[in-house]
Amino acid sequence: MTTTARPGTPAPTARDTQAFAERYRAIAARDTRFDGQFFTAVRSTGIYCRPSCPARTPKPENVTFYLTSAAAHEAGYRACKRCLPEAAPGTPAWDLRHDLAGRAMRLIADGVVDREGTDGLAARLGYSARHVHRLLSAELGAGPLALARAQRAQTARSLVVGTDMPLADVAFASGFGSIRQFNETVVEVFDTTPSDLRARARRRPTPFQHAVPRPTRPDGANDRLLEGDRGCDVARVRLDLELPVREPFDGRGVVAFLAARAVDGVEVADLSGDDARYARTLSLPHGPGAAEVVAGPGVGPGRVAVRLELASAADVSVAVTRLRRLLDLDSDPAAVDTTLADDPALAPLVARTPGLRVPGTVDPHEIVVRAIVGQQISVAAARTHLGRLAAGAGTPYDSAVPGLTRLFPTPAQVAASAADHLRLPARSLATVEDTARALDDGSLAVGVGDDGDELRAALVARRGIGPWTAAYVAMRVLRDPDSWLDGDVALLAGAAAAGISLPGVPDDAPRAARSRALATRAERWAPWRSYAAMHLWRAALPPTRQ
C-alpha cells in the first residue's frame, strides 16, 4: 500500500514516493494496463476506482493507493459506479510473489477461507491464524476475512449484472451466509442495492450456440437446468458469465495448447472457427461440474465468455478462479512482452504473438499425474496414455457440452487403476502409482498455496521425478512465471528455429551441453522465463500448427 503523507504517520520513504509517482502517472494517463494491479482511493469523494477510470484525475493530496479493493473498503471507501473497479482483471502480483502474502491470496481466491475459515487458511500456510492476519493487514491493508469478503463482493457483482439468477440465489452462490449479509455488503461496497445494480447492467448476448434449452419452471428460476430431463436425478446450476482479461490476449494460442493435450472425455476444444472454444469437466468442492470458455472476435476484446455447469451455486467463485488460472487471465502482458522483446532473438516471436499466456490448471493433482506420464514421451503419446486412463478409471459425467463424458481420475483412482490402463515402462508406472498414493493420503501436498522451492524439492525427492517435471508442475500449478524446464528437447528445437545462438556451443554438441547453454542464455529473460518457454515451444511447432 502506498499513501500520501498524513499528520502523525511516518514520512514516506524514497521507494514509497517513487511508487506513488508511478501510480499517479498511470491514473493520469488512464492506463488500462494497471487495472486490477492497484486501486485509487479519493478522500474528497470517498470512492475508490480502477486506474483507467474516466473521471477527472484527482489532486495528488487527495489520493491513496491500495493493493487490494478490500484494503480500500476497510479504509472506508466505496466502489466507483462509473468504472466498476471490482470488474477489473486480477492482479498478477499473486503469481509473482512467492512470499506468505502471495500464497495466502492464491488460497483466498480459491475459496479456502469460505470453506475452512481463517484457521484452515493458516494451517495450509503453516503459520498461526494471528500471524497470518497480522502479516496480511500489514502487507495488503486487510486481513483474511476482509479479503475473502471482497472476493464474495466481486462474485456477487458479476452474478448480479451478468446473469438472470434470482438475487436470493446470488447471495448464497457468492458465499454469503444470509440474504441480509449479501444486501448489506452490496450497499456498503457499491453504494447501491442489488436490484438497482442489475437494473443498470447492459447484458450482451453470449456466444454459446449448442446450449440445451432451459426448462420452464413455475417459480421462474430458469438459471437451473433440470437434469431429470436428461436422465439425471440432480439439478445443476447453469450460468453464462464474462471474465475480464488484459489485452493483448492470445486466446487462440492458450486454447491450442490445451487442445493439443486434451484428454478424450475430460476435455474438448474447437479451433475451426473465428472463436476458440475449450471445455472440460471439473471436480469442485460441492460436486462435479463442467465449464466451456470462448475467446475471439465473437466475444469481443478484453473478455472471455464462460458457461458454467455446476452441482451447486456455491462453487461459482471457485470455478471462476480456477478458470482464470487455467487461462492465465491475470497476466500482465505489457510487462511480459516488453521484457522479452528487449532480447533481439525473442523480439520477432513476441511481435508474432503478443499477449501469449502460460496455461495453468484447474486441478493440481491432475497436473502432477499428467506431468509424470508425459516425462520423456511426446505430447501425442502422453495424450493417448491419459485418454485410456481417464476412460478406464475416471468417474462418468453427463454434461450438456458434447464430448464431455467423465472426470479426470482422482489420485485414489489412478493408484488403483494405473497398471490396468497405462502402458508405460515399469519404473514410470511405479512412479505414477506411488505418487498418486502419496497425493491421496496427503504425504505429498500439491496446491496453489505451496511454496515453490518446497514443492520442487518434495517432487524431486521422489523416485522417478526429475527437475523437468518439478519445474513443469510449478509452472502450471503455482503459475510461476519464471519456471525454466532445463533439458527440454522442444525448447532446444524452438531456440534453433528462432535462430538463438548459444555462444561457445556448436550445433552438434551433446544435448546436455546445449541445454546448459540455453539455460544460461535464458537468465536474461527473468522473471518471465515461463513465457519465454511458451514462445520457444510454439516456435518449435510446424508452421501449420502455430
Protein backbone atom coordinates (compact mmCIF):
# COMPACT_ATOMS: atom_id res chain seq x y z
CA MET A 1 0.00 0.00 0.00
CA THR A 2 1.31 3.46 -0.90
CA THR A 3 -0.24 6.55 0.56
CA THR A 4 0.28 10.25 0.70
CA ALA A 5 1.73 11.57 3.93
CA ARG A 6 -0.70 12.30 6.77
CA PRO A 7 -0.13 14.06 10.07
CA GLY A 8 1.08 11.64 12.70
CA THR A 9 2.20 8.97 10.21
CA PRO A 10 5.79 8.06 9.32
CA ALA A 11 7.29 10.03 6.47
CA PRO A 12 7.18 8.13 3.17
CA THR A 13 10.40 6.52 2.05
CA ALA A 14 12.02 7.23 -1.32
CA ARG A 15 10.61 3.95 -2.56
CA ASP A 16 7.10 4.94 -1.43
CA THR A 17 7.45 8.29 -3.16
CA GLN A 18 8.60 6.67 -6.40
CA ALA A 19 5.76 4.12 -6.32
CA PHE A 20 3.23 6.88 -5.70
CA ALA A 21 4.57 8.91 -8.61
CA GLU A 22 4.45 5.91 -10.96
CA ARG A 23 0.90 5.07 -10.00
CA TYR A 24 -0.24 8.65 -10.22
CA ARG A 25 1.15 8.87 -13.76
CA ALA A 26 -0.82 5.72 -14.58
CA ILE A 27 -4.13 7.17 -13.38
CA ALA A 28 -3.42 10.50 -15.08
CA ALA A 29 -2.95 8.57 -18.34
CA ARG A 30 -5.97 6.35 -17.57
CA ASP A 31 -3.77 3.39 -18.41
CA THR A 32 -5.86 0.20 -18.62
CA ARG A 33 -2.75 -1.95 -18.23
CA PHE A 34 -2.78 -1.26 -14.50
CA ASP A 35 -6.45 -2.11 -13.88
CA GLY A 36 -6.63 -4.61 -11.04
CA GLN A 37 -2.99 -4.11 -10.04
CA PHE A 38 -3.85 -1.36 -7.59
CA PHE A 39 -6.83 0.79 -6.63
CA THR A 40 -7.11 4.57 -6.32
CA ALA A 41 -8.99 5.91 -3.29
CA VAL A 42 -10.03 9.57 -3.35
CA ARG A 43 -10.59 11.26 0.01
CA SER A 44 -12.61 14.15 -1.40
CA THR A 45 -15.25 11.80 -2.86
CA GLY A 46 -14.96 8.75 -0.60
CA ILE A 47 -14.75 6.33 -3.53
CA TYR A 48 -12.10 4.03 -4.95
CA CYS A 49 -11.53 3.43 -8.67
CA ARG A 50 -9.51 1.42 -11.14
CA PRO A 51 -6.54 3.29 -12.68
CA SER A 52 -8.33 3.79 -16.01
CA CYS A 53 -11.40 5.46 -14.50
CA PRO A 54 -12.60 8.16 -16.95
CA ALA A 55 -13.41 10.60 -14.14
CA ARG A 56 -11.29 13.71 -13.71
CA THR A 57 -7.89 12.94 -12.24
CA PRO A 58 -7.94 13.81 -8.51
CA LYS A 59 -5.34 16.00 -6.89
CA PRO A 60 -2.36 14.07 -5.53
CA GLU A 61 -3.00 15.19 -1.96
CA ASN A 62 -6.44 13.53 -2.09
CA VAL A 63 -5.18 10.18 -3.38
CA THR A 64 -4.29 6.97 -1.56
CA PHE A 65 -3.30 3.84 -3.44
CA TYR A 66 -4.20 0.35 -2.21
CA LEU A 67 -3.05 -3.05 -3.47
CA THR A 68 -6.48 -4.62 -2.89
CA SER A 69 -10.06 -3.46 -3.07
CA ALA A 70 -10.54 -4.97 0.38
CA ALA A 71 -8.00 -2.54 1.84
CA ALA A 72 -9.78 0.40 0.22
CA HIS A 73 -13.08 -0.79 1.59
CA GLU A 74 -11.64 -1.36 5.06
CA ALA A 75 -10.41 2.23 4.97
CA GLY A 76 -13.97 3.45 4.46
CA TYR A 77 -14.17 3.89 0.67
CA ARG A 78 -16.89 2.57 -1.64
CA ALA A 79 -16.56 1.33 -5.21
CA CYS A 80 -16.92 3.76 -8.11
CA LYS A 81 -20.16 3.26 -10.03
CA ARG A 82 -18.59 4.60 -13.19
CA CYS A 83 -15.50 2.41 -13.64
CA LEU A 84 -16.60 -0.63 -11.58
CA PRO A 85 -13.22 -1.49 -10.04
CA GLU A 86 -14.49 -4.90 -8.93
CA ALA A 87 -14.84 -5.88 -12.60
CA ALA A 88 -11.12 -5.35 -13.33
CA PRO A 89 -8.84 -8.31 -14.09
CA GLY A 90 -7.00 -9.69 -11.09
CA THR A 91 -3.51 -8.64 -10.14
CA PRO A 92 -0.60 -10.70 -11.48
CA ALA A 93 1.28 -9.96 -8.26
CA TRP A 94 0.00 -13.10 -6.52
CA ASP A 95 1.77 -15.27 -9.09
CA LEU A 96 4.94 -13.18 -8.97
CA ARG A 97 5.07 -13.06 -5.19
CA HIS A 98 6.33 -16.27 -3.59
CA ASP A 99 6.04 -14.92 -0.06
CA LEU A 100 3.37 -15.68 2.52
CA ALA A 101 1.09 -12.88 1.31
CA GLY A 102 1.12 -14.16 -2.26
CA ARG A 103 0.46 -17.74 -1.20
CA ALA A 104 -2.38 -16.59 1.07
CA MET A 105 -4.02 -14.58 -1.69
CA ARG A 106 -3.99 -17.56 -4.04
CA LEU A 107 -5.71 -19.69 -1.39
CA ILE A 108 -8.25 -16.98 -0.51
CA ALA A 109 -9.12 -16.63 -4.20
CA ASP A 110 -9.69 -20.40 -4.32
CA GLY A 111 -12.26 -20.08 -1.53
CA VAL A 112 -10.28 -21.63 1.33
CA VAL A 113 -11.45 -19.04 3.89
CA ASP A 114 -15.10 -19.60 2.93
CA ARG A 115 -14.74 -23.39 3.20
CA GLU A 116 -12.25 -23.80 6.05
CA GLY A 117 -12.17 -20.43 7.84
CA THR A 118 -9.11 -18.44 8.83
CA ASP A 119 -7.78 -21.36 10.88
CA GLY A 120 -7.88 -23.57 7.78
CA LEU A 121 -6.04 -20.93 5.77
CA ALA A 122 -3.37 -20.60 8.45
CA ALA A 123 -2.95 -24.38 8.70
CA ARG A 124 -2.36 -24.64 4.96
CA LEU A 125 0.25 -21.90 5.17
CA GLY A 126 1.94 -23.41 8.24
CA TYR A 127 1.51 -20.38 10.50
CA SER A 128 -0.85 -19.29 13.27
CA ALA A 129 -4.06 -17.53 12.31
CA ARG A 130 -2.94 -14.49 14.29
CA HIS A 131 0.36 -14.26 12.41
CA VAL A 132 -1.38 -14.57 9.02
CA HIS A 133 -3.87 -11.83 9.95
CA ARG A 134 -1.12 -9.54 11.18
CA LEU A 135 1.03 -10.07 8.08
CA LEU A 136 -1.80 -9.60 5.57
CA SER A 137 -3.03 -6.48 7.35
CA ALA A 138 0.47 -5.01 7.26
CA GLU A 139 1.24 -6.05 3.67
CA LEU A 140 -2.13 -5.61 1.97
CA GLY A 141 -4.15 -3.39 4.29
CA ALA A 142 -6.78 -6.02 5.12
CA GLY A 143 -6.99 -9.34 6.97
CA PRO A 144 -8.14 -12.72 5.58
CA LEU A 145 -11.82 -12.20 6.37
CA ALA A 146 -11.89 -8.79 4.69
CA LEU A 147 -10.06 -10.14 1.65
CA ALA A 148 -12.49 -13.07 1.40
CA ARG A 149 -15.39 -10.62 1.78
CA ALA A 150 -14.07 -8.60 -1.15
CA GLN A 151 -13.88 -11.81 -3.17
CA ARG A 152 -17.53 -12.50 -2.36
CA ALA A 153 -18.48 -8.96 -3.38
CA GLN A 154 -16.73 -9.37 -6.72
CA THR A 155 -18.51 -12.67 -7.36
CA ALA A 156 -21.84 -11.15 -6.35
CA ARG A 157 -21.41 -8.20 -8.70
CA SER A 158 -20.59 -10.46 -11.67
CA LEU A 159 -23.63 -12.66 -10.98
CA VAL A 160 -25.97 -9.72 -10.41
CA VAL A 161 -25.06 -7.92 -13.63
CA GLY A 162 -24.17 -10.91 -15.79
CA THR A 163 -26.94 -13.44 -15.12
CA ASP A 164 -30.68 -13.76 -14.53
CA MET A 165 -30.08 -15.78 -11.37
CA PRO A 166 -32.56 -14.80 -8.62
CA LEU A 167 -30.88 -12.42 -6.18
CA ALA A 168 -31.51 -14.77 -3.27
CA ASP A 169 -29.54 -17.46 -5.13
CA VAL A 170 -26.81 -14.95 -5.93
CA ALA A 171 -26.36 -14.31 -2.22
CA PHE A 172 -25.55 -17.92 -1.40
CA ALA A 173 -23.69 -18.57 -4.66
CA SER A 174 -21.35 -15.71 -3.74
CA GLY A 175 -20.59 -17.25 -0.37
CA PHE A 176 -22.67 -15.03 1.90
CA GLY A 177 -24.24 -16.63 4.95
CA SER A 178 -27.55 -14.83 4.57
CA ILE A 179 -29.50 -12.63 2.16
CA ARG A 180 -29.29 -9.79 4.65
CA GLN A 181 -25.48 -10.00 4.74
CA PHE A 182 -25.45 -10.02 0.94
CA ASN A 183 -27.68 -6.95 0.68
CA GLU A 184 -25.72 -5.02 3.30
CA THR A 185 -22.37 -5.80 1.65
CA VAL A 186 -23.55 -4.77 -1.82
CA VAL A 187 -24.90 -1.49 -0.48
CA GLU A 188 -21.76 -0.86 1.57
CA VAL A 189 -19.30 -1.68 -1.23
CA PHE A 190 -21.16 -0.43 -4.29
CA ASP A 191 -23.43 2.22 -2.72
CA THR A 192 -26.46 0.70 -4.39
CA THR A 193 -28.89 -2.16 -3.90
CA PRO A 194 -28.52 -5.45 -5.77
CA SER A 195 -31.72 -4.81 -7.72
CA ASP A 196 -30.56 -1.34 -8.80
CA LEU A 197 -27.16 -2.78 -9.74
CA ARG A 198 -28.89 -5.30 -12.01
CA ALA A 199 -31.23 -2.70 -13.50
CA ARG A 200 -28.26 -0.61 -14.69
CA ALA A 201 -26.43 -3.55 -16.24
CA ARG A 202 -26.13 -3.89 -20.00
CA ARG A 203 -26.43 -7.54 -20.94
CA ARG A 204 -24.71 -8.82 -24.08
CA PRO A 205 -25.67 -11.97 -25.99
CA THR A 206 -23.49 -14.97 -25.25
CA PRO A 207 -21.63 -16.92 -27.97
CA PHE A 208 -22.90 -20.34 -26.91
CA GLN A 209 -24.91 -21.98 -29.69
CA HIS A 210 -25.34 -25.62 -28.68
CA ALA A 211 -26.90 -24.97 -25.28
CA VAL A 212 -29.62 -27.34 -24.10
CA PRO A 213 -32.86 -25.32 -23.75
CA ARG A 214 -33.62 -24.44 -20.18
CA PRO A 215 -36.89 -25.89 -18.93
CA THR A 216 -39.58 -23.51 -17.79
CA ARG A 217 -40.21 -23.57 -14.07
CA PRO A 218 -43.21 -22.21 -12.21
CA ASP A 219 -41.00 -20.02 -9.98
CA GLY A 220 -39.23 -18.54 -12.99
CA ALA A 221 -35.80 -19.66 -11.72
CA ASN A 222 -34.63 -20.79 -15.15
CA ASP A 223 -31.00 -20.49 -14.14
CA ARG A 224 -31.22 -24.12 -13.04
CA LEU A 225 -31.09 -26.87 -15.64
CA LEU A 226 -33.27 -29.78 -14.52
CA GLU A 227 -31.05 -32.76 -15.13
CA GLY A 228 -34.05 -35.06 -14.78
CA ASP A 229 -34.92 -34.07 -18.33
CA ARG A 230 -31.68 -35.74 -19.45
CA GLY A 231 -31.99 -38.85 -17.35
CA CYS A 232 -30.20 -37.49 -14.27
CA ASP A 233 -31.65 -37.18 -10.78
CA VAL A 234 -29.94 -33.95 -9.70
CA ALA A 235 -30.36 -30.27 -10.52
CA ARG A 236 -27.39 -28.39 -11.89
CA VAL A 237 -26.84 -24.69 -11.93
CA ARG A 238 -26.02 -23.25 -15.34
CA LEU A 239 -24.69 -19.74 -15.79
CA ASP A 240 -23.25 -17.62 -18.58
CA LEU A 241 -20.58 -15.13 -17.46
CA GLU A 242 -17.89 -12.90 -18.90
CA LEU A 243 -14.40 -12.77 -17.40
CA PRO A 244 -12.26 -9.65 -17.87
CA VAL A 245 -8.77 -10.03 -19.30
CA ARG A 246 -5.93 -7.64 -20.04
CA GLU A 247 -5.17 -7.07 -23.69
CA PRO A 248 -3.41 -8.22 -25.72
CA PHE A 249 -4.66 -11.74 -25.11
CA ASP A 250 -3.65 -14.71 -27.24
CA GLY A 251 -6.82 -16.66 -26.53
CA ARG A 252 -6.45 -18.89 -29.57
CA GLY A 253 -2.91 -19.80 -28.50
CA VAL A 254 -3.85 -20.87 -24.99
CA VAL A 255 -6.75 -22.94 -26.33
CA ALA A 256 -4.42 -24.52 -28.91
CA PHE A 257 -2.01 -25.52 -26.13
CA LEU A 258 -4.85 -27.13 -24.16
CA ALA A 259 -6.32 -28.73 -27.28
CA ALA A 260 -3.05 -30.47 -28.11
CA ARG A 261 -3.11 -32.07 -24.65
CA ALA A 262 -6.88 -32.58 -24.34
CA VAL A 263 -7.85 -35.90 -22.74
CA ASP A 264 -10.79 -37.54 -24.51
CA GLY A 265 -13.98 -37.35 -22.45
CA VAL A 266 -12.45 -34.87 -19.99
CA GLU A 267 -11.73 -32.05 -22.43
CA VAL A 268 -12.89 -30.87 -25.85
CA ALA A 269 -11.63 -27.99 -27.98
CA ASP A 270 -12.57 -26.38 -31.28
CA LEU A 271 -10.29 -24.08 -33.26
CA SER A 272 -12.08 -24.36 -36.59
CA GLY A 273 -13.96 -21.06 -36.40
CA ASP A 274 -13.06 -17.45 -35.68
CA ASP A 275 -13.65 -18.05 -31.98
CA ALA A 276 -11.55 -20.52 -29.99
CA ARG A 277 -13.58 -22.85 -27.78
CA TYR A 278 -12.47 -25.10 -24.95
CA ALA A 279 -14.50 -27.10 -22.43
CA ARG A 280 -13.72 -29.56 -19.68
CA THR A 281 -15.19 -31.29 -16.66
CA LEU A 282 -14.37 -30.02 -13.19
CA SER A 283 -14.02 -31.53 -9.73
CA LEU A 284 -15.23 -28.84 -7.34
CA PRO A 285 -15.80 -28.66 -3.56
CA HIS A 286 -19.57 -29.25 -3.80
CA GLY A 287 -19.58 -31.76 -6.62
CA PRO A 288 -18.65 -32.32 -10.26
CA GLY A 289 -19.29 -29.79 -12.98
CA ALA A 290 -18.15 -28.54 -16.35
CA ALA A 291 -17.13 -25.28 -17.97
CA GLU A 292 -16.88 -24.01 -21.52
CA VAL A 293 -14.88 -20.93 -22.48
CA VAL A 294 -14.93 -18.96 -25.72
CA ALA A 295 -12.42 -16.31 -26.80
CA GLY A 296 -12.26 -14.39 -30.04
CA PRO A 297 -13.98 -11.71 -32.10
CA GLY A 298 -17.41 -13.13 -31.37
CA VAL A 299 -16.90 -12.33 -27.70
CA GLY A 300 -15.02 -9.08 -28.15
CA PRO A 301 -11.80 -7.63 -26.74
CA GLY A 302 -10.98 -7.61 -23.05
CA ARG A 303 -13.18 -10.51 -22.07
CA VAL A 304 -13.72 -14.26 -22.27
CA ALA A 305 -17.16 -15.84 -22.32
CA VAL A 306 -17.81 -18.71 -19.90
CA ARG A 307 -20.66 -21.15 -19.47
CA LEU A 308 -20.68 -22.97 -16.14
CA GLU A 309 -22.50 -26.20 -15.31
CA LEU A 310 -22.29 -26.81 -11.57
CA ALA A 311 -23.65 -29.15 -8.93
CA SER A 312 -24.02 -26.19 -6.56
CA ALA A 313 -24.12 -22.43 -6.98
CA ALA A 314 -21.68 -22.26 -4.08
CA ASP A 315 -18.95 -23.33 -6.50
CA VAL A 316 -19.29 -20.34 -8.85
CA SER A 317 -16.46 -18.33 -7.31
CA VAL A 318 -14.13 -21.33 -7.10
CA ALA A 319 -14.84 -22.34 -10.71
CA VAL A 320 -14.22 -18.81 -11.97
CA THR A 321 -10.96 -18.51 -10.02
CA ARG A 322 -9.68 -21.82 -11.39
CA LEU A 323 -10.63 -20.92 -14.95
CA ARG A 324 -8.81 -17.61 -14.61
CA ARG A 325 -5.72 -19.53 -13.51
CA LEU A 326 -6.13 -22.09 -16.29
CA LEU A 327 -6.26 -19.37 -18.97
CA ASP A 328 -3.73 -17.06 -17.24
CA LEU A 329 -6.23 -14.20 -17.41
CA ASP A 330 -4.50 -12.17 -14.69
CA SER A 331 -1.19 -11.93 -16.52
CA ASP A 332 0.41 -8.55 -17.23
CA PRO A 333 1.10 -8.92 -20.97
CA ALA A 334 2.65 -5.47 -21.31
CA ALA A 335 5.31 -6.23 -18.71
CA VAL A 336 5.99 -9.69 -20.14
CA ASP A 337 6.18 -8.62 -23.77
CA THR A 338 8.32 -5.56 -23.03
CA THR A 339 10.92 -7.57 -21.15
CA LEU A 340 11.13 -10.43 -23.64
CA ALA A 341 11.15 -8.12 -26.68
CA ASP A 342 14.29 -6.45 -25.31
CA ASP A 343 16.15 -9.56 -26.48
CA PRO A 344 16.55 -9.26 -30.28
CA ALA A 345 16.32 -13.04 -30.59
CA LEU A 346 12.88 -13.17 -28.93
CA ALA A 347 11.52 -9.89 -30.31
CA PRO A 348 10.18 -11.46 -33.55
CA LEU A 349 8.39 -14.17 -31.57
CA VAL A 350 6.79 -11.59 -29.26
CA ALA A 351 5.75 -9.46 -32.23
CA ARG A 352 4.21 -12.54 -33.88
CA THR A 353 2.23 -13.50 -30.76
CA PRO A 354 1.60 -10.55 -28.42
CA GLY A 355 -0.20 -11.37 -25.20
CA LEU A 356 0.90 -15.01 -25.11
CA ARG A 357 -0.24 -16.83 -21.97
CA VAL A 358 1.10 -19.70 -19.85
CA PRO A 359 -1.78 -22.13 -19.15
CA GLY A 360 -2.36 -23.10 -15.54
CA THR A 361 -4.63 -25.82 -14.19
CA VAL A 362 -7.98 -26.39 -12.53
CA ASP A 363 -6.66 -29.38 -10.55
CA PRO A 364 -3.10 -29.51 -9.12
CA HIS A 365 -3.18 -33.29 -8.60
CA GLU A 366 -4.20 -33.84 -12.20
CA ILE A 367 -1.19 -31.86 -13.45
CA VAL A 368 1.18 -33.96 -11.32
CA VAL A 369 -0.15 -37.16 -12.89
CA ARG A 370 -0.08 -35.69 -16.39
CA ALA A 371 3.47 -34.42 -15.93
CA ILE A 372 4.77 -37.80 -14.76
CA VAL A 373 3.05 -39.67 -17.58
CA GLY A 374 4.43 -37.15 -20.06
CA GLN A 375 8.04 -37.48 -18.97
CA GLN A 376 10.32 -38.31 -21.91
CA ILE A 377 7.49 -39.06 -24.36
CA SER A 378 5.71 -36.91 -26.92
CA VAL A 379 2.64 -34.81 -26.21
CA ALA A 380 0.57 -37.05 -28.50
CA ALA A 381 1.75 -40.23 -26.77
CA ALA A 382 1.00 -38.79 -23.32
CA ARG A 383 -2.46 -37.80 -24.50
CA THR A 384 -3.12 -41.37 -25.66
CA HIS A 385 -2.00 -42.88 -22.35
CA LEU A 386 -4.04 -40.38 -20.33
CA GLY A 387 -7.10 -40.95 -22.51
CA ARG A 388 -7.01 -44.68 -21.70
CA LEU A 389 -6.55 -43.91 -18.01
CA ALA A 390 -9.49 -41.49 -17.95
CA ALA A 391 -11.73 -43.88 -19.90
CA GLY A 392 -10.96 -46.76 -17.58
CA ALA A 393 -10.73 -45.04 -14.21
CA GLY A 394 -12.47 -41.66 -14.44
CA THR A 395 -15.93 -41.15 -12.95
CA PRO A 396 -18.65 -40.88 -15.64
CA TYR A 397 -20.25 -37.45 -16.01
CA ASP A 398 -23.27 -36.44 -18.09
CA SER A 399 -22.75 -32.95 -19.49
CA ALA A 400 -24.71 -30.66 -21.77
CA VAL A 401 -21.44 -29.99 -23.60
CA PRO A 402 -20.95 -32.57 -26.36
CA GLY A 403 -17.86 -34.71 -25.83
CA LEU A 404 -17.58 -34.31 -22.06
CA THR A 405 -18.32 -37.70 -20.53
CA ARG A 406 -16.10 -38.15 -17.45
CA LEU A 407 -13.97 -36.56 -14.78
CA PHE A 408 -10.20 -36.91 -14.71
CA PRO A 409 -9.38 -39.74 -12.27
CA THR A 410 -8.68 -38.83 -8.66
CA PRO A 411 -5.33 -39.83 -7.13
CA ALA A 412 -7.04 -42.81 -5.47
CA GLN A 413 -8.47 -43.95 -8.81
CA VAL A 414 -5.10 -43.50 -10.51
CA ALA A 415 -3.29 -45.52 -7.84
CA ALA A 416 -5.83 -48.33 -8.11
CA SER A 417 -6.09 -48.47 -11.91
CA ALA A 418 -2.86 -47.18 -13.44
CA ALA A 419 -1.43 -50.67 -14.01
CA ASP A 420 -4.55 -51.67 -15.94
CA HIS A 421 -4.62 -48.70 -18.30
CA LEU A 422 -1.14 -47.18 -18.64
CA ARG A 423 1.26 -48.97 -20.98
CA LEU A 424 4.38 -47.41 -19.54
CA PRO A 425 7.78 -48.83 -18.55
CA ALA A 426 7.68 -50.48 -15.13
CA ARG A 427 9.67 -47.71 -13.47
CA SER A 428 7.44 -44.95 -14.86
CA LEU A 429 4.32 -46.87 -13.88
CA ALA A 430 5.65 -47.31 -10.34
CA THR A 431 6.29 -43.56 -10.11
CA VAL A 432 2.73 -42.81 -11.19
CA GLU A 433 1.27 -45.26 -8.68
CA ASP A 434 3.49 -44.22 -5.75
CA THR A 435 2.93 -40.51 -6.34
CA ALA A 436 -0.82 -40.96 -6.72
CA ARG A 437 -0.94 -42.81 -3.39
CA ALA A 438 1.08 -40.03 -1.76
CA LEU A 439 -1.30 -37.40 -3.13
CA ASP A 440 -4.27 -39.43 -1.91
CA ASP A 441 -3.02 -39.95 1.64
CA GLY A 442 -1.63 -36.43 1.96
CA SER A 443 2.02 -37.35 2.39
CA LEU A 444 2.63 -35.30 -0.77
CA ALA A 445 0.79 -31.98 -0.78
CA VAL A 446 0.48 -30.06 -4.03
CA GLY A 447 -1.67 -26.94 -4.17
CA VAL A 448 -1.86 -23.32 -5.26
CA GLY A 449 -0.73 -22.07 -1.85
CA ASP A 450 2.52 -24.02 -1.77
CA ASP A 451 5.97 -22.51 -1.52
CA GLY A 452 7.66 -23.02 -4.89
CA ASP A 453 11.06 -24.14 -3.62
CA GLU A 454 9.50 -26.56 -1.15
CA LEU A 455 7.20 -28.01 -3.81
CA ARG A 456 10.06 -28.60 -6.24
CA ALA A 457 12.16 -30.21 -3.52
CA ALA A 458 9.31 -32.50 -2.44
CA LEU A 459 8.75 -33.66 -6.03
CA VAL A 460 12.41 -34.20 -6.91
CA ALA A 461 12.90 -36.18 -3.70
CA ARG A 462 10.51 -38.82 -5.06
CA ARG A 463 11.93 -41.68 -7.11
CA GLY A 464 11.34 -41.20 -10.82
CA ILE A 465 10.61 -37.46 -10.73
CA GLY A 466 13.27 -35.11 -12.06
CA PRO A 467 13.79 -31.34 -12.22
CA TRP A 468 11.89 -31.02 -15.52
CA THR A 469 8.72 -32.46 -14.03
CA ALA A 470 9.03 -30.37 -10.88
CA ALA A 471 9.52 -27.19 -12.93
CA TYR A 472 6.54 -28.04 -15.15
CA VAL A 473 4.30 -28.63 -12.13
CA ALA A 474 5.41 -25.31 -10.61
CA MET A 475 4.70 -23.53 -13.88
CA ARG A 476 1.19 -24.97 -14.24
CA VAL A 477 0.09 -25.28 -10.59
CA LEU A 478 1.71 -22.27 -8.90
CA ARG A 479 1.51 -20.10 -12.02
CA ASP A 480 5.22 -19.49 -11.58
CA PRO A 481 6.08 -17.01 -14.36
CA ASP A 482 9.81 -17.73 -14.11
CA SER A 483 9.99 -21.52 -14.36
CA TRP A 484 12.61 -22.92 -16.74
CA LEU A 485 12.39 -26.52 -17.94
CA ASP A 486 16.04 -27.40 -18.21
CA GLY A 487 16.80 -30.20 -20.66
CA ASP A 488 13.55 -29.86 -22.60
CA VAL A 489 14.10 -31.03 -26.19
CA ALA A 490 11.36 -28.81 -27.60
CA LEU A 491 12.98 -25.73 -26.07
CA LEU A 492 16.22 -26.55 -27.90
CA ALA A 493 14.29 -27.06 -31.14
CA GLY A 494 12.44 -23.77 -30.64
CA ALA A 495 15.67 -21.92 -29.92
CA ALA A 496 17.18 -23.32 -33.11
CA ALA A 497 14.08 -22.37 -35.13
CA ALA A 498 14.22 -18.85 -33.69
CA GLY A 499 17.90 -18.51 -34.56
CA ILE A 500 19.00 -18.12 -30.96
CA SER A 501 22.75 -18.60 -30.80
CA LEU A 502 24.49 -20.41 -27.97
CA PRO A 503 27.99 -18.91 -27.83
CA GLY A 504 30.77 -21.44 -27.49
CA VAL A 505 28.47 -24.41 -28.09
CA PRO A 506 28.39 -25.92 -31.60
CA ASP A 507 25.13 -27.10 -33.11
CA ASP A 508 26.29 -30.72 -32.96
CA ALA A 509 27.25 -30.54 -29.25
CA PRO A 510 25.64 -33.06 -26.89
CA ARG A 511 22.11 -32.17 -25.86
CA ALA A 512 23.10 -31.70 -22.22
CA ALA A 513 25.70 -29.08 -23.17
CA ARG A 514 23.25 -27.22 -25.39
CA SER A 515 20.61 -27.31 -22.65
CA ARG A 516 23.02 -25.84 -20.12
CA ALA A 517 23.96 -23.10 -22.56
CA LEU A 518 20.32 -22.32 -23.29
CA ALA A 519 19.52 -22.19 -19.57
CA THR A 520 22.33 -19.65 -19.13
CA ARG A 521 21.01 -17.68 -22.12
CA ALA A 522 17.52 -17.73 -20.61
CA GLU A 523 18.62 -15.95 -17.44
CA ARG A 524 18.24 -12.63 -19.24
CA TRP A 525 14.54 -13.40 -19.70
CA ALA A 526 13.80 -13.45 -15.96
CA PRO A 527 11.33 -13.03 -14.34
CA TRP A 528 9.30 -14.26 -17.33
CA ARG A 529 11.11 -17.45 -18.35
CA SER A 530 7.88 -19.46 -18.35
CA TYR A 531 6.55 -17.13 -21.07
CA ALA A 532 9.83 -17.37 -22.98
CA ALA A 533 9.50 -21.16 -22.87
CA MET A 534 6.00 -20.90 -24.34
CA HIS A 535 7.34 -18.78 -27.20
CA LEU A 536 10.08 -21.32 -27.91
CA TRP A 537 7.65 -24.24 -27.73
CA ARG A 538 5.49 -22.51 -30.28
CA ALA A 539 8.48 -21.75 -32.50
CA ALA A 540 9.30 -25.49 -32.48
CA LEU A 541 5.89 -26.40 -33.94
CA PRO A 542 5.34 -26.91 -37.66
CA PRO A 543 4.03 -23.69 -39.30
CA THR A 544 0.56 -25.20 -39.79
CA ARG A 545 0.18 -25.70 -36.03
CA GLN A 546 1.36 -22.25 -34.96
